[in-house]
Amino acid sequence: MPDARRDAWTVVVPVKPPTLGKSRLTVPGVDRTALARAIALDTIEAAAAVADVVVISADTSIDVPGVRVMPEPAPRGIAAALSTVLPGLPEERRAVLLGDLPGLESSDLDEALTLAESVRLGAVPDDEREGTTLVTAREGELPAAFGPSSWRRHLAAGFVELPVRPESTLRRDVDRPEHLVGRLGPRTRAVLRRRR
């Protein structure tokens, strides 16, 4: 991927500490804390290949080369985390990517960011079109509205769906064990292989 893309977009990834992350994801024989951490790190690493990534988290042990980590004193939820970090970033080409995309291909994120150049506010829904995995702002405010039914709320806030391919790995967030299929990042695969 060209280095120009890394300089063009700043992608914020809010990450819960692994002891709190993916609290509803139970895979028999798999340590949930280790799995949550692996999923987040695989997502961050894939994003860092094509964008300038800023992680905001109360987990101070996150260490991915080339990634900036902004520590939170305590987990406060996505909205509060973003209110802390977004004002300090350039007011153009900003995005928020959720950290639960363990199968993310860097090229799929790169495609979405390229599409985002043509709209002021863009977003990508998950496979079920209930949640949102990525929001982008080419310029100005980024009024992210994550949480239950976030896809509907992002559309109501003026976001335009980015026409990524239906099979894009950006659509494959993980909320349930059956989502852990297909291509997965190396850390996530390693944790699942250690199943007791």
C-alpha atoms as a PDB file:
ATOM      1  CA  MET A   1       0.000   0.000   0.000  1.00  0.00           C
ATOM      2  CA  PRO A   2       1.300   3.504  -0.716  1.00  0.00           C
ATOM      3  CA  ASP A   3       2.582   5.559   2.186  1.00  0.00           C
ATOM      4  CA  ALA A   4       0.392   8.459   0.980  1.00  0.00           C
ATOM      5  CA  ARG A   5      -2.664   6.654   2.313  1.00  0.00           C
ATOM      6  CA  ARG A   6      -1.136   6.454   5.789  1.00  0.00           C
ATOM      7  CA  ASP A   7      -0.785  10.231   5.796  1.00  0.00           C
ATOM      8  CA  ALA A   8      -4.213  10.927   4.284  1.00  0.00           C
ATOM      9  CA  TRP A   9      -6.523   9.438   6.941  1.00  0.00           C
ATOM     10  CA  THR A  10      -6.355   9.286  10.713  1.00  0.00           C
ATOM     11  CA  VAL A  11      -8.281   6.275  12.029  1.00  0.00           C
ATOM     12  CA  VAL A  12      -9.266   6.189  15.687  1.00  0.00           C
ATOM     13  CA  VAL A  13      -9.799   2.747  17.223  1.00  0.00           C
ATOM     14  CA  PRO A  14     -11.483   2.771  20.646  1.00  0.00           C
ATOM     15  CA  VAL A  15     -10.591  -0.389  22.581  1.00  0.00           C
ATOM     16  CA  LYS A  16     -11.960  -1.643  25.878  1.00  0.00           C
ATOM     17  CA  PRO A  17      -9.493  -3.334  28.249  1.00  0.00           C
ATOM     18  CA  PRO A  18      -9.533  -7.063  27.425  1.00  0.00           C
ATOM     19  CA  THR A  19     -11.105  -7.909  30.780  1.00  0.00           C
ATOM     20  CA  LEU A  20     -14.163  -5.895  29.684  1.00  0.00           C
ATOM     21  CA  GLY A  21     -14.071  -6.392  25.913  1.00  0.00           C
ATOM     22  CA  LYS A  22     -16.435  -8.780  24.115  1.00  0.00           C
ATOM     23  CA  SER A  23     -18.209  -9.535  27.385  1.00  0.00           C
ATOM     24  CA  ARG A  24     -21.020 -11.374  25.568  1.00  0.00           C
ATOM     25  CA  LEU A  25     -18.674 -13.487  23.443  1.00  0.00           C
ATOM     26  CA  THR A  26     -18.286 -16.914  25.023  1.00  0.00           C
ATOM     27  CA  VAL A  27     -16.393 -19.611  23.130  1.00  0.00           C
ATOM     28  CA  PRO A  28     -16.188 -22.915  25.032  1.00  0.00           C
ATOM     29  CA  GLY A  29     -12.633 -23.672  26.097  1.00  0.00           C
ATOM     30  CA  VAL A  30     -11.295 -20.247  25.068  1.00  0.00           C
ATOM     31  CA  ASP A  31     -10.130 -17.559  27.477  1.00  0.00           C
ATOM     32  CA  ARG A  32     -12.388 -14.592  26.692  1.00  0.00           C
ATOM     33  CA  THR A  33      -9.868 -11.995  27.877  1.00  0.00           C
ATOM     34  CA  ALA A  34      -7.139 -13.399  25.630  1.00  0.00           C
ATOM     35  CA  LEU A  35      -9.576 -13.593  22.717  1.00  0.00           C
ATOM     36  CA  ALA A  36     -10.766  -9.986  23.165  1.00  0.00           C
ATOM     37  CA  ARG A  37      -7.179  -8.747  23.227  1.00  0.00           C
ATOM     38  CA  ALA A  38      -6.243 -10.782  20.128  1.00  0.00           C
ATOM     39  CA  ILE A  39      -9.260  -9.512  18.172  1.00  0.00           C
ATOM     40  CA  ALA A  40      -8.403  -5.885  18.994  1.00  0.00           C
ATOM     41  CA  LEU A  41      -4.716  -6.247  18.130  1.00  0.00           C
ATOM     42  CA  ASP A  42      -5.443  -7.984  14.804  1.00  0.00           C
ATOM     43  CA  THR A  43      -7.823  -5.155  13.900  1.00  0.00           C
ATOM     44  CA  ILE A  44      -5.348  -2.440  14.874  1.00  0.00           C
ATOM     45  CA  GLU A  45      -2.466  -4.029  12.968  1.00  0.00           C
ATOM     46  CA  ALA A  46      -4.512  -4.380   9.776  1.00  0.00           C
ATOM     47  CA  ALA A  47      -5.636  -0.749   9.989  1.00  0.00           C
ATOM     48  CA  ALA A  48      -2.122   0.516  10.659  1.00  0.00           C
ATOM     49  CA  ALA A  49      -0.949  -0.845   7.318  1.00  0.00           C
ATOM     50  CA  VAL A  50      -3.053   1.740   5.442  1.00  0.00           C
ATOM     51  CA  ALA A  51      -3.761   4.636   7.832  1.00  0.00           C
ATOM     52  CA  ASP A  52      -2.380   6.671  10.690  1.00  0.00           C
ATOM     53  CA  VAL A  53      -3.954   4.852  13.646  1.00  0.00           C
ATOM     54  CA  VAL A  54      -4.708   6.311  17.067  1.00  0.00           C
ATOM     55  CA  VAL A  55      -5.921   3.871  19.721  1.00  0.00           C
ATOM     56  CA  ILE A  56      -7.769   5.199  22.740  1.00  0.00           C
ATOM     57  CA  SER A  57      -7.953   2.744  25.604  1.00  0.00           C
ATOM     58  CA  ALA A  58      -7.545   2.236  29.325  1.00  0.00           C
ATOM     59  CA  ASP A  59      -5.405  -0.784  28.389  1.00  0.00           C
ATOM     60  CA  THR A  60      -1.889   0.622  28.564  1.00  0.00           C
ATOM     61  CA  SER A  61      -0.281  -2.614  27.341  1.00  0.00           C
ATOM     62  CA  ILE A  62      -1.342  -2.139  23.698  1.00  0.00           C
ATOM     63  CA  ASP A  63       1.811  -2.067  21.616  1.00  0.00           C
ATOM     64  CA  VAL A  64       1.595  -2.161  17.816  1.00  0.00           C
ATOM     65  CA  PRO A  65       4.453  -0.622  15.798  1.00  0.00           C
ATOM     66  CA  GLY A  66       3.588   2.754  14.295  1.00  0.00           C
ATOM     67  CA  VAL A  67       0.380   3.149  16.308  1.00  0.00           C
ATOM     68  CA  ARG A  68      -0.234   5.991  18.765  1.00  0.00           C
ATOM     69  CA  VAL A  69      -1.989   5.036  21.989  1.00  0.00           C
ATOM     70  CA  MET A  70      -3.907   7.660  23.970  1.00  0.00           C
ATOM     71  CA  PRO A  71      -4.531   6.325  27.473  1.00  0.00           C
ATOM     72  CA  GLU A  72      -7.895   6.693  29.176  1.00  0.00           C
ATOM     73  CA  PRO A  73      -7.805   6.905  32.962  1.00  0.00           C
ATOM     74  CA  ALA A  74     -10.752   4.487  33.052  1.00  0.00           C
ATOM     75  CA  PRO A  75     -13.104   2.888  30.506  1.00  0.00           C
ATOM     76  CA  ARG A  76     -15.949   5.360  29.803  1.00  0.00           C
ATOM     77  CA  GLY A  77     -17.593   4.048  26.646  1.00  0.00           C
ATOM     78  CA  ILE A  78     -17.050   4.886  22.987  1.00  0.00           C
ATOM     79  CA  ALA A  79     -18.799   8.266  22.964  1.00  0.00           C
ATOM     80  CA  ALA A  80     -16.784   9.589  25.895  1.00  0.00           C
ATOM     81  CA  ALA A  81     -13.543   8.199  24.493  1.00  0.00           C
ATOM     82  CA  LEU A  82     -14.122   9.844  21.127  1.00  0.00           C
ATOM     83  CA  SER A  83     -15.005  13.172  22.745  1.00  0.00           C
ATOM     84  CA  THR A  84     -11.518  13.112  24.265  1.00  0.00           C
ATOM     85  CA  VAL A  85      -9.484  12.199  21.205  1.00  0.00           C
ATOM     86  CA  LEU A  86     -11.287  13.669  18.171  1.00  0.00           C
ATOM     87  CA  PRO A  87     -10.872  17.371  19.085  1.00  0.00           C
ATOM     88  CA  GLY A  88      -7.110  16.916  19.074  1.00  0.00           C
ATOM     89  CA  LEU A  89      -6.952  15.498  15.539  1.00  0.00           C
ATOM     90  CA  PRO A  90      -6.863  17.324  12.204  1.00  0.00           C
ATOM     91  CA  GLU A  91     -10.377  18.300  11.103  1.00  0.00           C
ATOM     92  CA  GLU A  92     -10.198  16.452   7.824  1.00  0.00           C
ATOM     93  CA  ARG A  93      -9.959  12.814   6.817  1.00  0.00           C
ATOM     94  CA  ARG A  94     -10.847  11.381  10.208  1.00  0.00           C
ATOM     95  CA  ALA A  95     -12.431   7.995  10.790  1.00  0.00           C
ATOM     96  CA  VAL A  96     -13.486   5.750  13.653  1.00  0.00           C
ATOM     97  CA  LEU A  97     -13.055   1.994  13.287  1.00  0.00           C
ATOM     98  CA  LEU A  98     -14.401  -0.447  15.838  1.00  0.00           C
ATOM     99  CA  GLY A  99     -11.796  -2.830  17.220  1.00  0.00           C
ATOM    100  CA  ASP A 100     -13.684  -6.090  16.726  1.00  0.00           C
ATOM    101  CA  LEU A 101     -12.808  -6.993  13.132  1.00  0.00           C
ATOM    102  CA  PRO A 102     -10.294  -9.838  13.535  1.00  0.00           C
ATOM    103  CA  GLY A 103     -10.511 -10.805   9.859  1.00  0.00           C
ATOM    104  CA  LEU A 104      -9.942  -7.275   8.559  1.00  0.00           C
ATOM    105  CA  GLU A 105      -7.956  -7.087   5.341  1.00  0.00           C
ATOM    106  CA  SER A 106      -5.957  -3.877   5.031  1.00  0.00           C
ATOM    107  CA  SER A 107      -7.019  -3.595   1.401  1.00  0.00           C
ATOM    108  CA  ASP A 108     -10.705  -3.523   2.419  1.00  0.00           C
ATOM    109  CA  LEU A 109     -10.126  -0.594   4.757  1.00  0.00           C
ATOM    110  CA  ASP A 110      -8.068   1.137   2.078  1.00  0.00           C
ATOM    111  CA  GLU A 111     -10.951   0.689  -0.375  1.00  0.00           C
ATOM    112  CA  ALA A 112     -13.427   2.211   2.094  1.00  0.00           C
ATOM    113  CA  LEU A 113     -11.192   5.202   2.813  1.00  0.00           C
ATOM    114  CA  THR A 114     -10.812   5.808  -0.914  1.00  0.00           C
ATOM    115  CA  LEU A 115     -14.602   5.759  -1.307  1.00  0.00           C
ATOM    116  CA  ALA A 116     -14.877   8.114   1.670  1.00  0.00           C
ATOM    117  CA  GLU A 117     -13.038  10.808  -0.273  1.00  0.00           C
ATOM    118  CA  SER A 118     -16.233  11.430  -2.283  1.00  0.00           C
ATOM    119  CA  VAL A 119     -18.623  12.088   0.652  1.00  0.00           C
ATOM    120  CA  ARG A 120     -18.440  14.329   3.694  1.00  0.00           C
ATOM    121  CA  LEU A 121     -19.750  11.642   6.066  1.00  0.00           C
ATOM    122  CA  GLY A 122     -19.452   7.958   5.205  1.00  0.00           C
ATOM    123  CA  ALA A 123     -20.156   4.736   7.067  1.00  0.00           C
ATOM    124  CA  VAL A 124     -20.019   0.958   6.650  1.00  0.00           C
ATOM    125  CA  PRO A 125     -22.649  -1.320   8.244  1.00  0.00           C
ATOM    126  CA  ASP A 126     -21.956  -4.773   9.589  1.00  0.00           C
ATOM    127  CA  ASP A 127     -23.272  -7.859   7.777  1.00  0.00           C
ATOM    128  CA  GLU A 128     -26.558  -7.718   9.665  1.00  0.00           C
ATOM    129  CA  ARG A 129     -27.030  -3.989   8.978  1.00  0.00           C
ATOM    130  CA  GLU A 130     -27.692  -3.383  12.649  1.00  0.00           C
ATOM    131  CA  GLY A 131     -24.333  -2.055  13.758  1.00  0.00           C
ATOM    132  CA  THR A 132     -21.688   0.177  12.189  1.00  0.00           C
ATOM    133  CA  THR A 133     -18.039  -0.804  11.856  1.00  0.00           C
ATOM    134  CA  LEU A 134     -16.535   2.358  10.307  1.00  0.00           C
ATOM    135  CA  VAL A 135     -17.502   6.028  10.142  1.00  0.00           C
ATOM    136  CA  THR A 136     -15.587   8.655   8.193  1.00  0.00           C
ATOM    137  CA  ALA A 137     -15.548  12.429   7.882  1.00  0.00           C
ATOM    138  CA  ARG A 138     -13.720  13.956   4.946  1.00  0.00           C
ATOM    139  CA  GLU A 139     -13.928  17.307   6.766  1.00  0.00           C
ATOM    140  CA  GLY A 140     -15.620  18.917   9.745  1.00  0.00           C
ATOM    141  CA  GLU A 141     -17.463  17.240  12.582  1.00  0.00           C
ATOM    142  CA  LEU A 142     -17.604  13.467  12.963  1.00  0.00           C
ATOM    143  CA  PRO A 143     -20.894  12.875  14.839  1.00  0.00           C
ATOM    144  CA  ALA A 144     -20.386   9.173  15.585  1.00  0.00           C
ATOM    145  CA  ALA A 145     -23.376   7.417  17.168  1.00  0.00           C
ATOM    146  CA  PHE A 146     -22.181   3.963  18.183  1.00  0.00           C
ATOM    147  CA  GLY A 147     -24.212   1.659  20.391  1.00  0.00           C
ATOM    148  CA  PRO A 148     -27.414  -0.358  19.872  1.00  0.00           C
ATOM    149  CA  SER A 149     -28.914   0.041  16.372  1.00  0.00           C
ATOM    150  CA  SER A 150     -26.045   2.324  15.438  1.00  0.00           C
ATOM    151  CA  TRP A 151     -26.496   1.817  11.690  1.00  0.00           C
ATOM    152  CA  ARG A 152     -29.961   3.368  11.755  1.00  0.00           C
ATOM    153  CA  ARG A 153     -28.744   6.222  13.937  1.00  0.00           C
ATOM    154  CA  HIS A 154     -25.761   6.951  11.691  1.00  0.00           C
ATOM    155  CA  LEU A 155     -28.031   7.162   8.650  1.00  0.00           C
ATOM    156  CA  ALA A 156     -30.326   9.520  10.554  1.00  0.00           C
ATOM    157  CA  ALA A 157     -27.285  11.667  11.434  1.00  0.00           C
ATOM    158  CA  GLY A 158     -26.493  12.173   7.754  1.00  0.00           C
ATOM    159  CA  PHE A 159     -23.928   9.462   7.070  1.00  0.00           C
ATOM    160  CA  VAL A 160     -23.912   7.935   3.583  1.00  0.00           C
ATOM    161  CA  GLU A 161     -23.287   4.223   3.114  1.00  0.00           C
ATOM    162  CA  LEU A 162     -19.892   3.602   1.539  1.00  0.00           C
ATOM    163  CA  PRO A 163     -20.452   1.075  -1.268  1.00  0.00           C
ATOM    164  CA  VAL A 164     -17.856  -1.477  -0.196  1.00  0.00           C
ATOM    165  CA  ARG A 165     -18.165  -4.977  -1.614  1.00  0.00           C
ATOM    166  CA  PRO A 166     -20.711  -7.222   0.156  1.00  0.00           C
ATOM    167  CA  GLU A 167     -17.927  -9.637   1.074  1.00  0.00           C
ATOM    168  CA  SER A 168     -15.689  -6.886   2.516  1.00  0.00           C
ATOM    169  CA  THR A 169     -14.041  -7.910   5.773  1.00  0.00           C
ATOM    170  CA  LEU A 170     -15.066  -4.501   7.122  1.00  0.00           C
ATOM    171  CA  ARG A 171     -18.570  -5.944   7.486  1.00  0.00           C
ATOM    172  CA  ARG A 172     -17.453  -8.904   9.636  1.00  0.00           C
ATOM    173  CA  ASP A 173     -17.471  -7.744  13.226  1.00  0.00           C
ATOM    174  CA  VAL A 174     -17.563 -10.326  15.994  1.00  0.00           C
ATOM    175  CA  ASP A 175     -20.387 -10.463  18.508  1.00  0.00           C
ATOM    176  CA  ARG A 176     -21.133 -14.199  18.641  1.00  0.00           C
ATOM    177  CA  PRO A 177     -19.024 -17.378  18.338  1.00  0.00           C
ATOM    178  CA  GLU A 178     -20.463 -18.131  14.880  1.00  0.00           C
ATOM    179  CA  HIS A 179     -18.865 -14.905  13.642  1.00  0.00           C
ATOM    180  CA  LEU A 180     -15.403 -16.408  14.217  1.00  0.00           C
ATOM    181  CA  VAL A 181     -15.254 -18.046  10.798  1.00  0.00           C
ATOM    182  CA  GLY A 182     -13.375 -17.512   7.563  1.00  0.00           C
ATOM    183  CA  ARG A 183     -10.182 -15.512   7.495  1.00  0.00           C
ATOM    184  CA  LEU A 184      -8.989 -14.408  10.930  1.00  0.00           C
ATOM    185  CA  GLY A 185      -5.912 -12.519  12.026  1.00  0.00           C
ATOM    186  CA  PRO A 186      -2.890 -14.387  13.397  1.00  0.00           C
ATOM    187  CA  ARG A 187      -3.442 -13.550  17.067  1.00  0.00           C
ATOM    188  CA  THR A 188      -7.094 -14.549  16.972  1.00  0.00           C
ATOM    189  CA  ARG A 189      -6.251 -17.837  15.244  1.00  0.00           C
ATOM    190  CA  ALA A 190      -3.569 -18.574  17.823  1.00  0.00           C
ATOM    191  CA  VAL A 191      -5.967 -18.042  20.754  1.00  0.00           C
ATOM    192  CA  LEU A 192      -8.624 -20.262  19.166  1.00  0.00           C
ATOM    193  CA  ARG A 193      -6.024 -23.001  18.561  1.00  0.00           C
ATOM    194  CA  ARG A 194      -5.286 -23.045  22.300  1.00  0.00           C
ATOM    195  CA  ARG A 195      -8.860 -24.123  23.016  1.00  0.00           C
ATOM    196  CA  ARG A 196      -8.919 -26.443  26.017  1.00  0.00           C
END
